[in-house]
């Protein structure tokens, strides 16, 4: 008897003693795991946004003589802020979709 047949016979003998899970139970477990991951991604994105806002405020207060709007342009500052808001919004929408499933 080769190794595969031995493994198959042990697996079939063990099958009756193992608990059975319905597809709904498995779906619930997967749903919980995915919602937890998206929730942490949302928290990380909000934390990252807050950190870089704080960093921007601190850098402008440290360098009062430098005008960052003139250097980068207002479109860059507003564009990056809008980009961060959009990413956080998409993460929040995905989090709500996963919770409702």
PDB file of N, CA and C in Angstrom:
ATOM      1  N   UNK A   1       0.848  -1.169   0.000  1.00  0.00           N
ATOM      2  CA  UNK A   1       0.000   0.000   0.000  1.00  0.00           C
ATOM      3  C   UNK A   1       0.900   1.240   0.000  1.00  0.00           C
ATOM      4  N   UNK A   2       0.644   2.142  -0.900  1.00  0.00           N
ATOM      5  CA  UNK A   2       1.490   3.334  -0.953  1.00  0.00           C
ATOM      6  C   UNK A   2       1.004   4.398   0.041  1.00  0.00           C
ATOM      7  N   UNK A   3       1.741   5.453   0.145  1.00  0.00           N
ATOM      8  CA  UNK A   3       1.487   6.488   1.153  1.00  0.00           C
ATOM      9  C   UNK A   3       0.128   7.164   0.966  1.00  0.00           C
ATOM     10  N   UNK A   4      -0.275   7.346  -0.274  1.00  0.00           N
ATOM     11  CA  UNK A   4      -1.547   8.003  -0.540  1.00  0.00           C
ATOM     12  C   UNK A   4      -2.719   7.161  -0.063  1.00  0.00           C
ATOM     13  N   UNK A   5      -2.655   5.849  -0.272  1.00  0.00           N
ATOM     14  CA  UNK A   5      -3.731   4.974   0.195  1.00  0.00           C
ATOM     15  C   UNK A   5      -3.800   4.940   1.723  1.00  0.00           C
ATOM     16  N   UNK A   6      -2.654   4.952   2.380  1.00  0.00           N
ATOM     17  CA  UNK A   6      -2.630   4.979   3.851  1.00  0.00           C
ATOM     18  C   UNK A   6      -3.249   6.280   4.360  1.00  0.00           C
ATOM     19  N   UNK A   7      -2.866   7.370   3.741  1.00  0.00           N
ATOM     20  CA  UNK A   7      -3.416   8.663   4.139  1.00  0.00           C
ATOM     21  C   UNK A   7      -4.922   8.719   3.891  1.00  0.00           C
ATOM     22  N   UNK A   8      -5.371   8.168   2.774  1.00  0.00           N
ATOM     23  CA  UNK A   8      -6.795   8.165   2.450  1.00  0.00           C
ATOM     24  C   UNK A   8      -7.581   7.334   3.450  1.00  0.00           C
ATOM     25  N   UNK A   9      -7.071   6.177   3.824  1.00  0.00           N
ATOM     26  CA  UNK A   9      -7.791   5.329   4.783  1.00  0.00           C
ATOM     27  C   UNK A   9      -7.854   5.986   6.164  1.00  0.00           C
ATOM     28  N   UNK A  10      -6.775   6.638   6.583  1.00  0.00           N
ATOM     29  CA  UNK A  10      -6.797   7.348   7.870  1.00  0.00           C
ATOM     30  C   UNK A  10      -7.759   8.529   7.824  1.00  0.00           C
ATOM     31  N   UNK A  11      -7.811   9.208   6.707  1.00  0.00           N
ATOM     32  CA  UNK A  11      -8.707  10.354   6.567  1.00  0.00           C
ATOM     33  C   UNK A  11     -10.163   9.910   6.616  1.00  0.00           C
ATOM     34  N   UNK A  12     -10.489   8.791   5.955  1.00  0.00           N
ATOM     35  CA  UNK A  12     -11.866   8.295   5.971  1.00  0.00           C
ATOM     36  C   UNK A  12     -12.261   7.793   7.353  1.00  0.00           C
ATOM     37  N   UNK A  13     -11.333   7.199   8.089  1.00  0.00           N
ATOM     38  CA  UNK A  13     -11.633   6.736   9.443  1.00  0.00           C
ATOM     39  C   UNK A  13     -11.815   7.922  10.388  1.00  0.00           C
ATOM     40  N   UNK A  14     -11.142   8.985  10.148  1.00  0.00           N
ATOM     41  CA  UNK A  14     -11.206  10.161  11.000  1.00  0.00           C
ATOM     42  C   UNK A  14     -12.417  11.035  10.678  1.00  0.00           C
ATOM     43  N   UNK A  15     -13.013  10.853   9.526  1.00  0.00           N
ATOM     44  CA  UNK A  15     -14.086  11.711   9.047  1.00  0.00           C
ATOM     45  C   UNK A  15     -15.299  11.711   9.978  1.00  0.00           C
ATOM     46  N   UNK A  16     -15.648  10.595  10.555  1.00  0.00           N
ATOM     47  CA  UNK A  16     -16.841  10.508  11.396  1.00  0.00           C
ATOM     48  C   UNK A  16     -16.662  11.246  12.722  1.00  0.00           C
ATOM     49  N   UNK A  17     -15.463  11.323  13.221  1.00  0.00           N
ATOM     50  CA  UNK A  17     -15.243  11.958  14.519  1.00  0.00           C
ATOM     51  C   UNK A  17     -15.118  13.481  14.430  1.00  0.00           C
ATOM     52  N   UNK A  18     -14.904  14.011  13.250  1.00  0.00           N
ATOM     53  CA  UNK A  18     -14.742  15.455  13.094  1.00  0.00           C
ATOM     54  C   UNK A  18     -16.100  16.153  13.036  1.00  0.00           C
ATOM     55  N   UNK A  19     -16.191  17.365  13.550  1.00  0.00           N
ATOM     56  CA  UNK A  19     -17.469  18.088  13.492  1.00  0.00           C
ATOM     57  C   UNK A  19     -17.777  18.542  12.072  1.00  0.00           C
ATOM     58  N   UNK A  20     -19.063  18.634  11.785  1.00  0.00           N
ATOM     59  CA  UNK A  20     -19.514  19.091  10.462  1.00  0.00           C
ATOM     60  C   UNK A  20     -19.961  20.545  10.575  1.00  0.00           C
ATOM     61  N   UNK A  21     -19.561  21.345   9.597  1.00  0.00           N
ATOM     62  CA  UNK A  21     -19.948  22.751   9.562  1.00  0.00           C
ATOM     63  C   UNK A  21     -20.791  22.999   8.324  1.00  0.00           C
ATOM     64  N   UNK A  22     -21.855  23.755   8.508  1.00  0.00           N
ATOM     65  CA  UNK A  22     -22.702  24.102   7.369  1.00  0.00           C
ATOM     66  C   UNK A  22     -22.043  25.239   6.584  1.00  0.00           C
ATOM     67  N   UNK A  23     -22.545  25.443   5.391  1.00  0.00           N
ATOM     68  CA  UNK A  23     -21.983  26.518   4.568  1.00  0.00           C
ATOM     69  C   UNK A  23     -22.283  27.885   5.183  1.00  0.00           C
ATOM     70  N   UNK A  24     -23.410  28.005   5.890  1.00  0.00           N
ATOM     71  CA  UNK A  24     -23.734  29.267   6.557  1.00  0.00           C
ATOM     72  C   UNK A  24     -22.751  29.568   7.690  1.00  0.00           C
ATOM     73  N   UNK A  25     -22.361  28.532   8.426  1.00  0.00           N
ATOM     74  CA  UNK A  25     -21.405  28.712   9.518  1.00  0.00           C
ATOM     75  C   UNK A  25     -20.038  29.138   8.961  1.00  0.00           C
ATOM     76  N   UNK A  26     -19.607  28.512   7.889  1.00  0.00           N
ATOM     77  CA  UNK A  26     -18.326  28.859   7.262  1.00  0.00           C
ATOM     78  C   UNK A  26     -18.383  30.276   6.696  1.00  0.00           C
ATOM     79  N   UNK A  27     -19.529  30.628   6.084  1.00  0.00           N
ATOM     80  CA  UNK A  27     -19.685  31.973   5.541  1.00  0.00           C
ATOM     81  C   UNK A  27     -19.621  33.015   6.654  1.00  0.00           C
ATOM     82  N   UNK A  28     -20.224  32.712   7.796  1.00  0.00           N
ATOM     83  CA  UNK A  28     -20.165  33.626   8.932  1.00  0.00           C
ATOM     84  C   UNK A  28     -18.753  33.817   9.445  1.00  0.00           C
ATOM     85  N   UNK A  29     -17.986  32.733   9.498  1.00  0.00           N
ATOM     86  CA  UNK A  29     -16.597  32.830   9.950  1.00  0.00           C
ATOM     87  C   UNK A  29     -15.757  33.670   8.988  1.00  0.00           C
ATOM     88  N   UNK A  30     -15.946  33.454   7.692  1.00  0.00           N
ATOM     89  CA  UNK A  30     -15.207  34.230   6.697  1.00  0.00           C
ATOM     90  C   UNK A  30     -15.626  35.695   6.721  1.00  0.00           C
ATOM     91  N   UNK A  31     -16.916  35.933   6.918  1.00  0.00           N
ATOM     92  CA  UNK A  31     -17.432  37.301   6.981  1.00  0.00           C
ATOM     93  C   UNK A  31     -16.820  38.049   8.164  1.00  0.00           C
ATOM     94  N   UNK A  32     -16.737  37.393   9.294  1.00  0.00           N
ATOM     95  CA  UNK A  32     -16.157  38.023  10.483  1.00  0.00           C
ATOM     96  C   UNK A  32     -14.691  38.374  10.245  1.00  0.00           C
ATOM     97  N   UNK A  33     -13.957  37.470   9.612  1.00  0.00           N
ATOM     98  CA  UNK A  33     -12.534  37.694   9.352  1.00  0.00           C
ATOM     99  C   UNK A  33     -12.337  38.862   8.382  1.00  0.00           C
ATOM    100  N   UNK A  34     -13.126  38.902   7.299  1.00  0.00           N
ATOM    101  CA  UNK A  34     -12.941  39.964   6.311  1.00  0.00           C
ATOM    102  C   UNK A  34     -13.378  41.317   6.857  1.00  0.00           C
ATOM    103  N   UNK A  35     -14.435  41.353   7.669  1.00  0.00           N
ATOM    104  CA  UNK A  35     -14.848  42.640   8.236  1.00  0.00           C
ATOM    105  C   UNK A  35     -13.809  43.149   9.222  1.00  0.00           C
ATOM    106  N   UNK A  36     -13.152  42.248   9.922  1.00  0.00           N
ATOM    107  CA  UNK A  36     -12.108  42.654  10.857  1.00  0.00           C
ATOM    108  C   UNK A  36     -10.915  43.250  10.115  1.00  0.00           C
ATOM    109  N   UNK A  37     -10.555  42.663   9.002  1.00  0.00           N
ATOM    110  CA  UNK A  37      -9.428  43.166   8.210  1.00  0.00           C
ATOM    111  C   UNK A  37      -9.739  44.550   7.651  1.00  0.00           C
ATOM    112  N   UNK A  38     -10.940  44.717   7.094  1.00  0.00           N
ATOM    113  CA  UNK A  38     -11.310  46.009   6.519  1.00  0.00           C
ATOM    114  C   UNK A  38     -11.420  47.072   7.610  1.00  0.00           C
ATOM    115  N   UNK A  39     -11.904  46.678   8.793  1.00  0.00           N
ATOM    116  CA  UNK A  39     -12.001  47.628   9.901  1.00  0.00           C
ATOM    117  C   UNK A  39     -10.610  48.125  10.290  1.00  0.00           C
ATOM    118  N   UNK A  40      -9.642  47.223  10.354  1.00  0.00           N
ATOM    119  CA  UNK A  40      -8.282  47.643  10.703  1.00  0.00           C
ATOM    120  C   UNK A  40      -7.664  48.507   9.608  1.00  0.00           C
ATOM    121  N   UNK A  41      -7.951  48.187   8.345  1.00  0.00           N
ATOM    122  CA  UNK A  41      -7.456  49.030   7.256  1.00  0.00           C
ATOM    123  C   UNK A  41      -8.045  50.433   7.345  1.00  0.00           C
ATOM    124  N   UNK A  42      -9.328  50.513   7.700  1.00  0.00           N
ATOM    125  CA  UNK A  42      -9.970  51.814   7.854  1.00  0.00           C
ATOM    126  C   UNK A  42      -9.328  52.601   8.993  1.00  0.00           C
ATOM    127  N   UNK A  43      -9.081  51.957  10.120  1.00  0.00           N
ATOM    128  CA  UNK A  43      -8.444  52.632  11.251  1.00  0.00           C
ATOM    129  C   UNK A  43      -7.029  53.087  10.909  1.00  0.00           C
ATOM    130  N   UNK A  44      -6.294  52.257  10.188  1.00  0.00           N
ATOM    131  CA  UNK A  44      -4.932  52.623   9.787  1.00  0.00           C
ATOM    132  C   UNK A  44      -4.960  53.817   8.838  1.00  0.00           C
ATOM    133  N   UNK A  45      -5.906  53.831   7.895  1.00  0.00           N
ATOM    134  CA  UNK A  45      -5.999  54.948   6.953  1.00  0.00           C
ATOM    135  C   UNK A  45      -6.353  56.244   7.671  1.00  0.00           C
ATOM    136  N   UNK A  46      -7.271  56.183   8.626  1.00  0.00           N
ATOM    137  CA  UNK A  46      -7.632  57.381   9.383  1.00  0.00           C
ATOM    138  C   UNK A  46      -6.451  57.848  10.231  1.00  0.00           C
ATOM    139  N   UNK A  47      -5.755  56.906  10.852  1.00  0.00           N
ATOM    140  CA  UNK A  47      -4.577  57.264  11.642  1.00  0.00           C
ATOM    141  C   UNK A  47      -3.476  57.871  10.797  1.00  0.00           C
ATOM    142  N   UNK A  48      -3.268  57.303   9.618  1.00  0.00           N
ATOM    143  CA  UNK A  48      -2.253  57.837   8.709  1.00  0.00           C
ATOM    144  C   UNK A  48      -2.615  59.250   8.268  1.00  0.00           C
ATOM    145  N   UNK A  49      -3.883  59.459   7.958  1.00  0.00           N
ATOM    146  CA  UNK A  49      -4.324  60.786   7.550  1.00  0.00           C
ATOM    147  C   UNK A  49      -4.127  61.796   8.681  1.00  0.00           C
ATOM    148  N   UNK A  50      -4.494  61.408   9.891  1.00  0.00           N
ATOM    149  CA  UNK A  50      -4.336  62.304  11.046  1.00  0.00           C
ATOM    150  C   UNK A  50      -2.857  62.592  11.313  1.00  0.00           C
ATOM    151  N   UNK A  51      -2.021  61.565  11.186  1.00  0.00           N
ATOM    152  CA  UNK A  51      -0.584  61.753  11.418  1.00  0.00           C
ATOM    153  C   UNK A  51       0.011  62.746  10.431  1.00  0.00           C
ATOM    154  N   UNK A  52      -0.323  62.596   9.150  1.00  0.00           N
ATOM    155  CA  UNK A  52       0.262  63.491   8.160  1.00  0.00           C
ATOM    156  C   UNK A  52      -0.339  64.890   8.233  1.00  0.00           C
ATOM    157  N   UNK A  53      -1.591  65.004   8.664  1.00  0.00           N
ATOM    158  CA  UNK A  53      -2.141  66.348   8.913  1.00  0.00           C
ATOM    159  C   UNK A  53      -1.396  67.014  10.060  1.00  0.00           C
ATOM    160  N   UNK A  54      -1.169  66.266  11.127  1.00  0.00           N
ATOM    161  CA  UNK A  54      -0.419  66.794  12.269  1.00  0.00           C
ATOM    162  C   UNK A  54       1.003  67.164  11.856  1.00  0.00           C
ATOM    163  N   UNK A  55       1.616  66.316  11.045  1.00  0.00           N
ATOM    164  CA  UNK A  55       2.969  66.596  10.569  1.00  0.00           C
ATOM    165  C   UNK A  55       2.998  67.863   9.720  1.00  0.00           C
ATOM    166  N   UNK A  56       1.984  68.053   8.902  1.00  0.00           N
ATOM    167  CA  UNK A  56       1.902  69.266   8.088  1.00  0.00           C
ATOM    168  C   UNK A  56       1.709  70.510   8.921  1.00  0.00           C
ATOM    169  N   UNK A  57       0.882  70.407   9.955  1.00  0.00           N
ATOM    170  CA  UNK A  57       0.672  71.555  10.841  1.00  0.00           C
ATOM    171  C   UNK A  57       1.956  71.891  11.587  1.00  0.00           C
ATOM    172  N   UNK A  58       2.639  70.868  12.070  1.00  0.00           N
ATOM    173  CA  UNK A  58       3.879  71.105  12.808  1.00  0.00           C
ATOM    174  C   UNK A  58       4.968  71.682  11.908  1.00  0.00           C
ATOM    175  N   UNK A  59       5.034  71.211  10.668  1.00  0.00           N
ATOM    176  CA  UNK A  59       6.084  71.718   9.779  1.00  0.00           C
ATOM    177  C   UNK A  59       5.818  73.166   9.389  1.00  0.00           C
ATOM    178  N   UNK A  60       4.558  73.544   9.236  1.00  0.00           N
ATOM    179  CA  UNK A  60       4.278  74.945   8.902  1.00  0.00           C
ATOM    180  C   UNK A  60       4.514  75.854  10.096  1.00  0.00           C
ATOM    181  N   UNK A  61       4.285  75.342  11.306  1.00  0.00           N
ATOM    182  CA  UNK A  61       4.540  76.193  12.472  1.00  0.00           C
ATOM    183  C   UNK A  61       6.040  76.307  12.760  1.00  0.00           C
ATOM    184  N   UNK A  62       6.820  75.311  12.384  1.00  0.00           N
ATOM    185  CA  UNK A  62       8.265  75.377  12.598  1.00  0.00           C
ATOM    186  C   UNK A  62       8.951  76.282  11.579  1.00  0.00           C
ATOM    187  N   UNK A  63       8.401  76.299  10.384  1.00  0.00           N
ATOM    188  CA  UNK A  63       9.003  77.086   9.310  1.00  0.00           C
ATOM    189  C   UNK A  63       8.027  78.173   8.876  1.00  0.00           C
ATOM    190  N   UNK A  64       7.853  79.175   9.706  1.00  0.00           N
ATOM    191  CA  UNK A  64       6.903  80.245   9.395  1.00  0.00           C
ATOM    192  C   UNK A  64       7.351  81.101   8.215  1.00  0.00           C
ATOM    193  N   UNK A  65       8.636  81.170   7.987  1.00  0.00           N
ATOM    194  CA  UNK A  65       9.131  82.026   6.914  1.00  0.00           C
ATOM    195  C   UNK A  65       8.983  81.386   5.532  1.00  0.00           C
ATOM    196  N   UNK A  66       8.686  80.100   5.470  1.00  0.00           N
ATOM    197  CA  UNK A  66       8.536  79.409   4.186  1.00  0.00           C
ATOM    198  C   UNK A  66       7.047  79.258   3.893  1.00  0.00           C
ATOM    199  N   UNK A  67       6.640  79.662   2.708  1.00  0.00           N
ATOM    200  CA  UNK A  67       5.241  79.525   2.314  1.00  0.00           C
ATOM    201  C   UNK A  67       5.099  78.256   1.469  1.00  0.00           C
ATOM    202  N   UNK A  68       4.517  77.226   2.063  1.00  0.00           N
ATOM    203  CA  UNK A  68       4.401  75.939   1.383  1.00  0.00           C
ATOM    204  C   UNK A  68       3.429  75.983   0.213  1.00  0.00           C
ATOM    205  N   UNK A  69       2.442  76.852   0.284  1.00  0.00           N
ATOM    206  CA  UNK A  69       1.496  76.963  -0.827  1.00  0.00           C
ATOM    207  C   UNK A  69       2.206  77.491  -2.063  1.00  0.00           C
ATOM    208  N   UNK A  70       3.137  78.407  -1.887  1.00  0.00           N
ATOM    209  CA  UNK A  70       3.898  78.911  -3.034  1.00  0.00           C
ATOM    210  C   UNK A  70       4.832  77.850  -3.590  1.00  0.00           C
ATOM    211  N   UNK A  71       5.400  77.036  -2.723  1.00  0.00           N
ATOM    212  CA  UNK A  71       6.336  76.004  -3.179  1.00  0.00           C
ATOM    213  C   UNK A  71       5.600  74.886  -3.908  1.00  0.00           C
ATOM    214  N   UNK A  72       4.585  74.317  -3.258  1.00  0.00           N
ATOM    215  CA  UNK A  72       3.892  73.159  -3.829  1.00  0.00           C
ATOM    216  C   UNK A  72       2.708  73.548  -4.697  1.00  0.00           C
ATOM    217  N   UNK A  73       2.122  74.664  -4.438  1.00  0.00           N
ATOM    218  CA  UNK A  73       0.916  75.059  -5.146  1.00  0.00           C
ATOM    219  C   UNK A  73      -0.310  74.569  -4.392  1.00  0.00           C
ATOM    220  N   UNK A  74      -1.356  75.338  -4.453  1.00  0.00           N
ATOM    221  CA  UNK A  74      -2.559  74.964  -3.701  1.00  0.00           C
ATOM    222  C   UNK A  74      -3.210  73.713  -4.284  1.00  0.00           C
ATOM    223  N   UNK A  75      -3.058  73.480  -5.588  1.00  0.00           N
ATOM    224  CA  UNK A  75      -3.660  72.294  -6.197  1.00  0.00           C
ATOM    225  C   UNK A  75      -3.059  71.025  -5.622  1.00  0.00           C
ATOM    226  N   UNK A  76      -1.772  71.050  -5.306  1.00  0.00           N
ATOM    227  CA  UNK A  76      -1.118  69.872  -4.739  1.00  0.00           C
ATOM    228  C   UNK A  76      -1.637  69.589  -3.332  1.00  0.00           C
ATOM    229  N   UNK A  77      -1.747  70.617  -2.525  1.00  0.00           N
ATOM    230  CA  UNK A  77      -2.201  70.439  -1.142  1.00  0.00           C
ATOM    231  C   UNK A  77      -3.647  69.975  -1.120  1.00  0.00           C
ATOM    232  N   UNK A  78      -4.512  70.626  -1.902  1.00  0.00           N
ATOM    233  CA  UNK A  78      -5.917  70.215  -1.939  1.00  0.00           C
ATOM    234  C   UNK A  78      -6.081  68.855  -2.606  1.00  0.00           C
ATOM    235  N   UNK A  79      -5.268  68.580  -3.595  1.00  0.00           N
ATOM    236  CA  UNK A  79      -5.358  67.292  -4.289  1.00  0.00           C
ATOM    237  C   UNK A  79      -4.981  66.119  -3.407  1.00  0.00           C
ATOM    238  N   UNK A  80      -3.910  66.272  -2.642  1.00  0.00           N
ATOM    239  CA  UNK A  80      -3.521  65.171  -1.755  1.00  0.00           C
ATOM    240  C   UNK A  80      -4.528  64.984  -0.633  1.00  0.00           C
ATOM    241  N   UNK A  81      -5.086  66.075  -0.133  1.00  0.00           N
ATOM    242  CA  UNK A  81      -6.121  65.949   0.903  1.00  0.00           C
ATOM    243  C   UNK A  81      -7.356  65.256   0.343  1.00  0.00           C
ATOM    244  N   UNK A  82      -7.769  65.645  -0.851  1.00  0.00           N
ATOM    245  CA  UNK A  82      -8.931  65.010  -1.477  1.00  0.00           C
ATOM    246  C   UNK A  82      -8.656  63.532  -1.744  1.00  0.00           C
ATOM    247  N   UNK A  83      -7.445  63.220  -2.167  1.00  0.00           N
ATOM    248  CA  UNK A  83      -7.074  61.823  -2.411  1.00  0.00           C
ATOM    249  C   UNK A  83      -7.182  60.997  -1.134  1.00  0.00           C
ATOM    250  N   UNK A  84      -6.703  61.540  -0.017  1.00  0.00           N
ATOM    251  CA  UNK A  84      -6.808  60.825   1.257  1.00  0.00           C
ATOM    252  C   UNK A  84      -8.265  60.643   1.669  1.00  0.00           C
ATOM    253  N   UNK A  85      -9.067  61.686   1.487  1.00  0.00           N
ATOM    254  CA  UNK A  85     -10.486  61.573   1.828  1.00  0.00           C
ATOM    255  C   UNK A  85     -11.180  60.507   0.985  1.00  0.00           C
ATOM    256  N   UNK A  86     -10.843  60.445  -0.286  1.00  0.00           N
ATOM    257  CA  UNK A  86     -11.468  59.458  -1.170  1.00  0.00           C
ATOM    258  C   UNK A  86     -11.082  58.044  -0.761  1.00  0.00           C
ATOM    259  N   UNK A  87      -9.827  57.815  -0.433  1.00  0.00           N
ATOM    260  CA  UNK A  87      -9.394  56.482   0.003  1.00  0.00           C
ATOM    261  C   UNK A  87     -10.105  56.080   1.288  1.00  0.00           C
ATOM    262  N   UNK A  88     -10.199  56.985   2.237  1.00  0.00           N
ATOM    263  CA  UNK A  88     -10.898  56.674   3.486  1.00  0.00           C
ATOM    264  C   UNK A  88     -12.373  56.410   3.219  1.00  0.00           C
ATOM    265  N   UNK A  89     -12.980  57.168   2.317  1.00  0.00           N
ATOM    266  CA  UNK A  89     -14.386  56.954   1.973  1.00  0.00           C
ATOM    267  C   UNK A  89     -14.601  55.579   1.354  1.00  0.00           C
ATOM    268  N   UNK A  90     -13.733  55.175   0.427  1.00  0.00           N
ATOM    269  CA  UNK A  90     -13.858  53.849  -0.181  1.00  0.00           C
ATOM    270  C   UNK A  90     -13.674  52.737   0.845  1.00  0.00           C
ATOM    271  N   UNK A  91     -12.732  52.884   1.749  1.00  0.00           N
ATOM    272  CA  UNK A  91     -12.554  51.878   2.800  1.00  0.00           C
ATOM    273  C   UNK A  91     -13.786  51.801   3.692  1.00  0.00           C
ATOM    274  N   UNK A  92     -14.372  52.939   4.006  1.00  0.00           N
ATOM    275  CA  UNK A  92     -15.571  52.959   4.844  1.00  0.00           C
ATOM    276  C   UNK A  92     -16.753  52.314   4.124  1.00  0.00           C
ATOM    277  N   UNK A  93     -16.917  52.584   2.837  1.00  0.00           N
ATOM    278  CA  UNK A  93     -18.006  51.979   2.062  1.00  0.00           C
ATOM    279  C   UNK A  93     -17.829  50.467   1.994  1.00  0.00           C
ATOM    280  N   UNK A  94     -16.613  49.995   1.762  1.00  0.00           N
ATOM    281  CA  UNK A  94     -16.365  48.552   1.738  1.00  0.00           C
ATOM    282  C   UNK A  94     -16.622  47.927   3.095  1.00  0.00           C
ATOM    283  N   UNK A  95     -16.265  48.618   4.155  1.00  0.00           N
ATOM    284  CA  UNK A  95     -16.527  48.119   5.502  1.00  0.00           C
ATOM    285  C   UNK A  95     -18.029  47.982   5.739  1.00  0.00           C
ATOM    286  N   UNK A  96     -18.812  48.967   5.297  1.00  0.00           N
ATOM    287  CA  UNK A  96     -20.267  48.884   5.460  1.00  0.00           C
ATOM    288  C   UNK A  96     -20.863  47.752   4.627  1.00  0.00           C
ATOM    289  N   UNK A  97     -20.344  47.535   3.427  1.00  0.00           N
ATOM    290  CA  UNK A  97     -20.836  46.436   2.590  1.00  0.00           C
ATOM    291  C   UNK A  97     -20.566  45.090   3.240  1.00  0.00           C
ATOM    292  N   UNK A  98     -19.397  44.930   3.813  1.00  0.00           N
ATOM    293  CA  UNK A  98     -19.045  43.652   4.433  1.00  0.00           C
ATOM    294  C   UNK A  98     -19.876  43.419   5.684  1.00  0.00           C
ATOM    295  N   UNK A  99     -20.157  44.452   6.440  1.00  0.00           N
ATOM    296  CA  UNK A  99     -20.952  44.284   7.657  1.00  0.00           C
ATOM    297  C   UNK A  99     -22.390  43.893   7.323  1.00  0.00           C
ATOM    298  N   UNK A 100     -22.947  44.428   6.236  1.00  0.00           N
ATOM    299  CA  UNK A 100     -24.340  44.152   5.880  1.00  0.00           C
ATOM    300  C   UNK A 100     -24.543  42.759   5.303  1.00  0.00           C
ATOM    301  N   UNK A 101     -23.503  42.109   4.836  1.00  0.00           N
ATOM    302  CA  UNK A 101     -23.645  40.785   4.212  1.00  0.00           C
ATOM    303  C   UNK A 101     -24.025  39.767   5.243  1.00  0.00           C
TER     304      UNK A 101
END
